[in-house]
Amino acid sequence: MDEFKVVLNDALLYTYKNKRVSTRFDNYKRDVLSSKIKIIESHTYKPYKKGIEKQPDKRLTIISYSHPQYKPYTKHTQGTRQKKYIHEYDIILVLQKDTNNEFSLQSKVKWRIGSFKKWDSNPPQNKIKTIYSVTKEKLKKRFKNDIVSYNKEIVKLRKNGKYLDVGDYNSRELGLNGDAYWRDFYLQKIHNCLFGPIWNNSKNTKEPKIQYPFLDKHMIGIILYMIKKNYLKK
């Protein structure tokens, strides 16, 4: 495994101090189901050989869940929160012990939020409730001036679609987190802290002023969980 470069606390502080990503703390409190965070697998690496670059000490596979509280999910709110739609992510966290031979916020890390699959920017129309413009154009040609039939077909498509939009499809069907996939993976890759491959191998176009790997809402929840359970020292 390549050299570890990023210290967990550095990524945490960057997330806290940079106004472009500090909202992830609010998003964690708003969306993440902290009580459901669970470590499902723990792998301890064999001690590295003398003279060979230091390898990681432990790899954790963790499950994290969230009830997204933003559009379009909030259209389905019952009471104060929507609970109809839940996102579930497998998260891999690889750690090196710190200079005190402990796992702590001073440990160097690699991580991955979500699966190893590729993002699907064009799920089948019958899978999502959001209507593509190309679909609308085809229906307009099909029904011409018959507005009633056109509207009925739109309603039917929205009713039959399982997922709200492209993001919801990728989250629930493919296990991909859009925030991590589009904003963090590239930064993690160039700073050598992404576990696994990257498919969107291009510069961050959504938030170009984010210059360092940050912790998304699920990683924040996991770090707080691990500190609380004494798996990580402060």
Foldseek 3Di string as FASTA:
>chain_A
DDDFFDQLLVQAVLQCPPPVRVCLQVQLVQWWPLVPKDFPDKDADDADDPPDHGDFGMKTKIKIKTQGCDPPQVVQDDDPGRDPAMFMWIKMKTWHAAPVRAAASRIGIAMDTWDQDDQDPDDDLLAELDDDPVNLVVLCVVCVPPVVVSVVVSVVSNVRHPAHHSQRCCRHVRGDHPCCLQPAPCQCVVSVRYPDDHDPNDARPVCNPDRHHHAGSRSVSVNVSCVVVVNYHD
